Protein backbone atom coordinates (compact mmCIF):
# COMPACT_ATOMS: atom_id res chain seq x y z
CA UNK A 1 97.74 88.90 126.91
CA UNK A 2 95.19 87.58 124.40
CA UNK A 3 95.33 88.61 120.70
CA UNK A 4 93.06 91.52 119.95
CA UNK A 5 90.25 90.71 117.52
CA UNK A 6 92.16 87.85 115.91
CA UNK A 7 91.84 84.16 116.45
CA UNK A 8 95.47 83.10 117.26
CA UNK A 9 94.78 79.53 116.09
CA UNK A 10 94.07 80.75 112.76
CA UNK A 11 97.78 81.81 112.23
CA UNK A 12 99.78 79.09 114.01
CA UNK A 13 100.75 77.56 110.82
CA UNK A 14 101.89 80.85 109.23
CA UNK A 15 104.42 81.00 112.09
CA UNK A 16 106.32 78.20 110.38
CA UNK A 17 105.28 78.42 106.78
CA UNK A 18 106.83 81.54 104.96
CA UNK A 19 104.03 83.71 103.69
CA UNK A 20 104.32 86.96 101.63
CA UNK A 21 105.37 89.09 104.63
CA UNK A 22 108.40 86.79 105.46
CA UNK A 23 109.15 86.28 101.77
CA UNK A 24 109.26 90.08 101.32
CA UNK A 25 111.29 90.62 104.42
CA UNK A 26 113.94 88.11 103.22
CA UNK A 27 113.92 89.56 99.59
CA UNK A 28 113.83 93.32 99.90
CA UNK A 29 115.44 96.10 101.88
CA UNK A 30 111.96 97.31 102.78
CA UNK A 31 111.14 96.20 106.37
CA UNK A 32 107.98 95.38 108.31
CA UNK A 33 107.01 97.17 111.59
CA UNK A 34 103.90 96.29 113.53
CA UNK A 35 101.33 99.20 114.03
CA UNK A 36 100.57 98.02 117.52
CA UNK A 37 102.26 97.25 120.86
CA UNK A 38 99.85 94.49 121.79
CA UNK A 39 102.43 91.77 122.82
CA UNK A 40 100.71 88.87 121.20
CA UNK A 41 100.21 90.62 117.91
CA UNK A 42 103.92 91.68 118.08
CA UNK A 43 105.11 88.31 118.68
CA UNK A 44 103.22 87.10 115.59
CA UNK A 45 104.48 90.08 113.57
CA UNK A 46 108.00 89.14 114.44
CA UNK A 47 107.47 85.64 113.19
CA UNK A 48 106.20 87.32 110.01
CA UNK A 49 109.58 89.09 109.79
CA UNK A 50 108.55 92.21 111.67
CA UNK A 51 111.48 94.32 113.15
CA UNK A 52 109.62 97.24 114.80
CA UNK A 53 106.46 98.37 116.37
CA UNK A 54 104.62 101.49 117.48
CA UNK A 55 102.49 102.85 120.36
CA UNK A 56 100.42 106.04 120.34
CA UNK A 57 97.49 107.24 122.45
CA UNK A 58 94.88 105.49 120.30
CA UNK A 59 96.77 102.21 120.19
CA UNK A 60 97.57 102.31 123.99
CA UNK A 61 93.86 102.99 124.78
CA UNK A 62 92.83 100.06 122.49
CA UNK A 63 95.21 97.74 123.97
CA UNK A 64 94.48 98.49 127.53
CA UNK A 65 90.57 98.36 126.95
CA UNK A 66 90.98 95.03 125.21
CA UNK A 67 92.94 93.62 128.12
CA UNK A 68 91.45 95.17 131.26
CA UNK A 69 91.77 91.91 133.06
CA UNK A 70 95.46 92.44 132.96
CA UNK A 71 95.72 96.39 132.96
CA UNK A 72 93.09 97.31 135.48
CA UNK A 73 95.13 95.75 138.37
CA UNK A 74 98.33 97.16 136.89
CA UNK A 75 96.78 100.70 136.67
CA UNK A 76 95.51 100.35 140.27
CA UNK A 77 99.06 99.23 141.42
CA UNK A 78 100.55 102.20 139.78
CA UNK A 79 97.99 104.47 141.42
CA UNK A 80 98.67 102.72 144.96
CA UNK A 81 102.48 103.30 144.53
CA UNK A 82 102.06 107.01 143.69
CA UNK A 83 99.18 108.36 145.76
CA UNK A 84 99.57 111.97 144.59
CA UNK A 85 99.77 111.25 140.88
CA UNK A 86 97.02 112.57 138.46
CA UNK A 87 94.94 110.27 136.22
CA UNK A 88 97.06 111.39 133.40
CA UNK A 89 100.36 110.54 135.11
CA UNK A 90 99.05 107.12 136.12
CA UNK A 91 97.86 106.46 132.46
CA UNK A 92 101.01 107.55 130.83
CA UNK A 93 103.05 105.35 133.21
CA UNK A 94 100.96 102.44 131.92
CA UNK A 95 101.80 103.44 128.34
CA UNK A 96 105.41 103.55 129.33
CA UNK A 97 105.34 100.11 130.97
CA UNK A 98 103.58 98.83 127.86
CA UNK A 99 106.24 100.31 125.59
CA UNK A 100 109.22 98.96 127.62
CA UNK A 101 107.67 95.51 127.59
CA UNK A 102 107.13 95.66 123.73
CA UNK A 103 110.67 97.05 123.24
CA UNK A 104 112.06 94.01 124.94
CA UNK A 105 110.61 91.73 122.34
CA UNK A 106 112.46 93.68 119.73
CA UNK A 107 115.79 93.76 121.27
CA UNK A 108 117.13 90.71 119.11
CA UNK A 109 116.20 92.62 115.97
CA UNK A 110 117.80 95.78 117.44
CA UNK A 111 121.11 94.07 117.99
CA UNK A 112 121.02 92.18 114.46
CA UNK A 113 120.29 95.49 112.60
CA UNK A 114 122.73 97.62 114.80
CA UNK A 115 119.94 99.95 115.87
CA UNK A 116 118.52 100.81 112.54
CA UNK A 117 115.51 98.47 113.24
CA UNK A 118 114.21 96.66 116.32
CA UNK A 119 112.69 99.96 117.49
CA UNK A 120 109.60 100.53 119.59
CA UNK A 121 107.98 103.79 118.63
CA UNK A 122 106.57 105.85 121.65
CA UNK A 123 104.48 109.03 120.91
CA UNK A 124 105.01 112.16 122.81
CA UNK A 125 101.95 113.55 124.75
CA UNK A 126 99.65 115.28 122.08
CA UNK A 127 98.87 117.70 124.82
CA UNK A 128 102.29 119.24 124.28
CA UNK A 129 101.63 120.05 120.70
CA UNK A 130 102.11 123.87 121.31
CA UNK A 131 105.42 123.55 123.19
CA UNK A 132 108.61 122.53 121.35
CA UNK A 133 110.70 122.43 124.50
CA UNK A 134 108.24 120.06 126.27
CA UNK A 135 108.19 117.80 123.27
CA UNK A 136 111.85 117.61 123.13
CA UNK A 137 112.28 117.11 126.85
CA UNK A 138 109.77 114.19 126.88
CA UNK A 139 111.37 112.77 123.78
CA UNK A 140 114.52 112.67 125.72
CA UNK A 141 112.89 111.09 128.59
CA UNK A 142 111.37 108.35 126.47
CA UNK A 143 114.76 107.87 124.72
CA UNK A 144 116.17 106.75 128.14
CA UNK A 145 113.36 104.17 128.92
CA UNK A 146 115.07 101.47 126.72
CA UNK A 147 117.96 101.26 124.39
CA UNK A 148 115.74 100.66 121.39
CA UNK A 149 113.06 103.39 121.78
CA UNK A 150 112.37 105.73 118.90
CA UNK A 151 110.16 108.74 119.62
CA UNK A 152 107.19 110.08 117.65
CA UNK A 153 106.85 113.92 117.29
CA UNK A 154 104.22 115.52 115.15
CA UNK A 155 105.28 117.24 111.88
CA UNK A 156 103.94 120.75 112.70
CA UNK A 157 105.98 123.96 112.79
CA UNK A 158 106.48 123.58 116.54
CA UNK A 159 107.05 119.82 116.06
CA UNK A 160 109.80 120.48 113.57
CA UNK A 161 111.72 122.58 116.27
CA UNK A 162 111.28 119.77 118.66
CA UNK A 163 112.43 117.07 116.08
CA UNK A 164 115.61 119.00 115.40
CA UNK A 165 116.50 119.73 119.09
CA UNK A 166 115.65 116.08 120.04
CA UNK A 167 117.80 114.77 117.19
CA UNK A 168 120.60 117.01 118.40
CA UNK A 169 120.20 115.42 121.96
CA UNK A 170 120.73 111.98 120.48
CA UNK A 171 117.01 110.89 120.18
CA UNK A 172 115.98 108.53 117.30
CA UNK A 173 112.95 110.17 115.78
CA UNK A 174 109.80 108.84 114.11
CA UNK A 175 108.00 111.89 112.68
CA UNK A 176 104.24 111.43 112.95
CA UNK A 177 100.93 113.32 112.21
CA UNK A 178 102.35 113.59 108.66
CA UNK A 179 100.47 113.24 105.43
CA UNK A 180 102.08 115.46 102.66
CA UNK A 181 105.30 115.61 100.72
CA UNK A 182 105.97 119.14 102.16
CA UNK A 183 105.78 117.73 105.78
CA UNK A 184 107.92 114.78 104.80
CA UNK A 185 110.71 117.00 103.30
CA UNK A 186 110.61 119.59 105.99
CA UNK A 187 110.84 116.84 108.64
CA UNK A 188 113.91 115.11 106.96
CA UNK A 189 115.58 118.57 106.83
CA UNK A 190 114.91 119.08 110.51
CA UNK A 191 116.50 115.68 111.28
CA UNK A 192 119.56 116.59 109.05
CA UNK A 193 119.98 119.86 110.97
CA UNK A 194 119.93 118.07 114.23
CA UNK A 195 122.42 115.39 113.05
CA UNK A 196 124.71 118.06 111.63
CA UNK A 197 124.68 119.97 114.93
CA UNK A 198 125.91 116.75 116.68
CA UNK A 199 128.52 116.14 114.05
CA UNK A 200 129.84 119.71 114.34
CA UNK A 201 130.28 119.21 118.13
CA UNK A 202 131.93 115.82 117.63
CA UNK A 203 129.10 114.02 119.19
CA UNK A 204 128.38 110.41 118.06
CA UNK A 205 125.47 109.53 115.74
CA UNK A 206 126.18 105.87 115.37
CA UNK A 207 123.13 103.88 116.25
CA UNK A 208 120.85 106.91 115.85
CA UNK A 209 118.10 106.48 113.29
CA UNK A 210 115.07 108.36 112.15
CA UNK A 211 111.94 107.53 110.09
CA UNK A 212 109.51 110.00 108.53
CA UNK A 213 105.90 108.71 108.61
CA UNK A 214 103.42 109.29 105.87
CA UNK A 215 99.90 108.31 106.95
CA UNK A 216 98.98 107.05 103.42
CA UNK A 217 95.47 105.74 104.30
CA UNK A 218 94.42 109.07 106.08
CA UNK A 219 95.36 110.91 102.96
CA UNK A 220 93.25 108.59 100.78
CA UNK A 221 90.43 109.26 103.26
CA UNK A 222 90.90 113.00 103.03
CA UNK A 223 90.97 113.11 99.20
CA UNK A 224 87.81 110.88 99.11
CA UNK A 225 86.01 113.21 101.48
CA UNK A 226 86.88 116.25 99.45
CA UNK A 227 85.58 114.52 96.29
CA UNK A 228 82.30 113.70 98.04
CA UNK A 229 81.91 116.98 99.52
CA UNK A 230 82.64 119.01 96.29
CA UNK A 231 80.77 116.51 93.99
CA UNK A 232 83.84 115.88 91.75
CA UNK A 233 83.17 113.43 89.01
CA UNK A 234 86.21 111.09 89.10
CA UNK A 235 87.30 107.56 88.27
CA UNK A 236 86.95 106.14 91.76
CA UNK A 237 89.80 103.67 91.39
CA UNK A 238 92.16 106.63 91.37
CA UNK A 239 91.25 107.50 94.91
CA UNK A 240 93.06 104.42 96.22
CA UNK A 241 96.38 105.81 94.84
CA UNK A 242 96.73 109.29 96.50
CA UNK A 243 98.76 108.00 99.50
CA UNK A 244 100.80 105.74 97.28
CA UNK A 245 101.61 108.30 94.77
CA UNK A 246 102.73 110.78 97.58
CA UNK A 247 104.86 108.13 99.30
CA UNK A 248 106.57 107.09 96.11
CA UNK A 249 107.57 110.65 95.23
CA UNK A 250 108.72 111.23 98.78
CA UNK A 251 110.92 108.12 98.60
CA UNK A 252 112.43 109.29 95.25
CA UNK A 253 113.22 112.71 96.75
CA UNK A 254 114.72 111.16 99.94
CA UNK A 255 116.96 109.01 97.74
CA UNK A 256 118.08 111.79 95.39
CA UNK A 257 118.91 114.29 98.28
CA UNK A 258 120.52 111.59 100.54
CA UNK A 259 118.49 112.20 103.62
CA UNK A 260 119.58 109.92 106.50
CA UNK A 261 115.92 109.19 107.47
CA UNK A 262 113.68 106.56 105.90
CA UNK A 263 110.11 107.00 104.83
CA UNK A 264 107.59 105.07 106.81
CA UNK A 265 104.08 104.12 105.51
CA UNK A 266 101.24 103.94 108.15
CA UNK A 267 97.50 104.12 108.40
CA UNK A 268 96.54 101.33 106.02
CA UNK A 269 93.33 101.27 104.14
CA UNK A 270 94.16 98.72 101.42
CA UNK A 271 96.74 96.13 100.37
CA UNK A 272 98.28 98.74 97.85
CA UNK A 273 99.85 100.38 100.95
CA UNK A 274 101.99 97.29 101.26
CA UNK A 275 102.35 95.81 97.83
CA UNK A 276 103.31 99.00 96.02
CA UNK A 277 105.99 100.01 98.53
CA UNK A 278 108.05 96.81 98.58
CA UNK A 279 111.67 96.98 97.29
CA UNK A 280 113.00 100.19 98.56
CA UNK A 281 114.77 101.22 101.70
CA UNK A 282 111.50 102.04 103.48
CA UNK A 283 109.51 100.92 106.52
CA UNK A 284 106.03 99.65 106.01
CA UNK A 285 103.95 99.62 109.16
CA UNK A 286 100.50 97.85 108.84
CA UNK A 287 98.12 97.08 111.68
CA UNK A 288 98.15 93.35 112.61
CA UNK A 289 94.88 92.66 110.95
CA UNK A 290 96.29 93.78 107.63
CA UNK A 291 99.37 91.62 108.10
CA UNK A 292 97.11 88.63 108.81
CA UNK A 293 95.22 89.33 105.59
CA UNK A 294 98.38 89.64 103.48
CA UNK A 295 100.10 86.67 105.04
CA UNK A 296 97.17 84.40 104.44
CA UNK A 297 97.24 85.32 100.73
CA UNK A 298 98.97 83.68 97.86
CA UNK A 299 100.37 87.04 96.72
CA UNK A 300 104.04 86.84 95.36
CA UNK A 301 105.88 89.93 96.45
CA UNK A 302 107.61 92.01 93.96
CA UNK A 303 109.76 95.24 93.96
CA UNK A 304 107.35 97.93 93.11
CA UNK A 305 108.55 101.09 94.86
CA UNK A 306 110.17 102.41 91.69
CA UNK A 307 107.15 101.55 89.45
CA UNK A 308 105.36 104.84 88.63
CA UNK A 309 101.79 105.33 89.45
CA UNK A 310 99.71 105.07 86.34
CA UNK A 311 99.46 108.48 84.70
CA UNK A 312 95.63 108.06 84.39
CA UNK A 313 95.36 107.87 88.14
CA UNK A 314 97.67 110.85 88.62
CA UNK A 315 95.62 112.91 86.11
CA UNK A 316 92.42 112.12 87.81
CA UNK A 317 93.80 112.97 91.23
CA UNK A 318 95.28 116.18 89.89
CA UNK A 319 91.70 117.47 89.67
CA UNK A 320 91.46 117.40 93.49
CA UNK A 321 93.06 120.31 95.10
CA UNK A 322 93.44 118.38 98.36
CA UNK A 323 95.62 115.98 96.54
CA UNK A 324 97.82 118.41 94.89
CA UNK A 325 98.24 120.15 98.35
CA UNK A 326 99.77 116.86 99.56
CA UNK A 327 101.50 115.68 96.36
CA UNK A 328 103.43 118.83 95.51
CA UNK A 329 106.58 119.85 97.57
CA UNK A 330 105.36 123.39 97.87
CA UNK A 331 101.72 122.30 98.50
CA UNK A 332 101.93 123.48 102.06
CA UNK A 333 103.98 126.13 103.85
CA UNK A 334 105.63 125.17 107.18
CA UNK A 335 103.49 127.67 108.99
CA UNK A 336 100.46 126.00 107.71
CA UNK A 337 101.23 122.44 108.87
CA UNK A 338 99.44 122.72 112.16
CA UNK A 339 96.24 124.14 110.60
CA UNK A 340 96.21 121.60 107.82
CA UNK A 341 92.82 119.79 108.04
CA UNK A 342 94.29 116.30 108.47
CA UNK A 343 96.82 117.47 111.07
CA UNK A 344 93.93 119.06 113.17
CA UNK A 345 91.82 115.96 112.75
CA UNK A 346 94.43 113.56 113.74
CA UNK A 347 95.82 115.66 116.70
CA UNK A 348 92.09 115.91 118.00
CA UNK A 349 91.85 112.10 117.80
CA UNK A 350 95.16 111.65 119.76
CA UNK A 351 93.88 114.34 122.20
CA UNK A 352 90.57 112.52 122.64
CA UNK A 353 92.34 109.20 123.22
CA UNK A 354 94.31 110.87 125.97
CA UNK A 355 91.12 112.18 127.58
CA UNK A 356 89.44 108.61 127.31
CA UNK A 357 92.51 107.15 128.91
CA UNK A 358 92.03 109.52 131.81
CA UNK A 359 88.50 108.29 132.09
CA UNK A 360 89.42 104.73 131.96
CA UNK A 361 91.97 105.34 134.83
CA UNK A 362 89.37 107.31 136.81
CA UNK A 363 86.89 104.43 136.52
CA UNK A 364 89.48 102.09 137.84
CA UNK A 365 90.83 104.09 140.83
CA UNK A 366 87.66 105.87 141.66
CA UNK A 367 84.75 103.60 140.49
CA UNK A 368 81.27 105.13 140.46
CA UNK A 369 79.25 104.30 143.61
């Protein structure tokens, strides 16, 4: 497949010349995962030191739409092989096929890191967001697609039940639709409960891993929207630090409490979402376009995860209730996770991507006259 939106020739040299991404990968315990399952992008990310990747409804739709020359015949072949399947079943089979192929590229890293990295994240169907049992069952199904699959489940009250149950069943979990410290801590606790249930029954946990995503850029966006909506006079430079500050605080808490999951940064909006998180036992998952920007720079990576966010920025941000809601551990109650504005906004985006994938499949198998 062709590289989406990137001129491959521009980055051939960086495959052989260590840039900031590869330097960081060799220097720090923080690891690079690619926020895409596009095979060309993933191959290039691996050359940058990448040891993981992800797929979700938006990513899958984007990849298929960008490579219809490849995926339209494949989707038609799936439909022909399963004449009673719905559009959704056909589309999701394409997503599964895409995920298995991307997972194969990561098997060397999976073996090298003994299962801790080398994972391909597959997201559960957002249409199951109200049903913990269906989420857990699908997570277990995805777990068996390839040995190096890690499954994404949203950080809602219902999602937490599915996260604990799927962990108990031996599934490696990537918590998603997560933006706040409260969600991160509750998710880590759910994973711990699942692991402890396995341990109590003498079930193995070797090779089982977990990450808890914080969508740092989406939090930045949310705080900026609140400031604009409410007309808050604020130092605008502070608004680039909301996600970083929340992530650093989550990392500190995870370390202090000994959680067996790692924090993962996603939804990039600026280079701080990479530079400020280097040095810790974390996962940083930028889209490929951000990796290209970072690796083409002359930035020298330094360990900054333990460097506190400037007090001036924190003071400015603390004037925004939407920031405090995300930054304080008690900022949100578990029962409020699903109704949290960013959760609703993101789930709706994933649901729309599912609907758009259905439409894409329909146009392939039943084109308009």
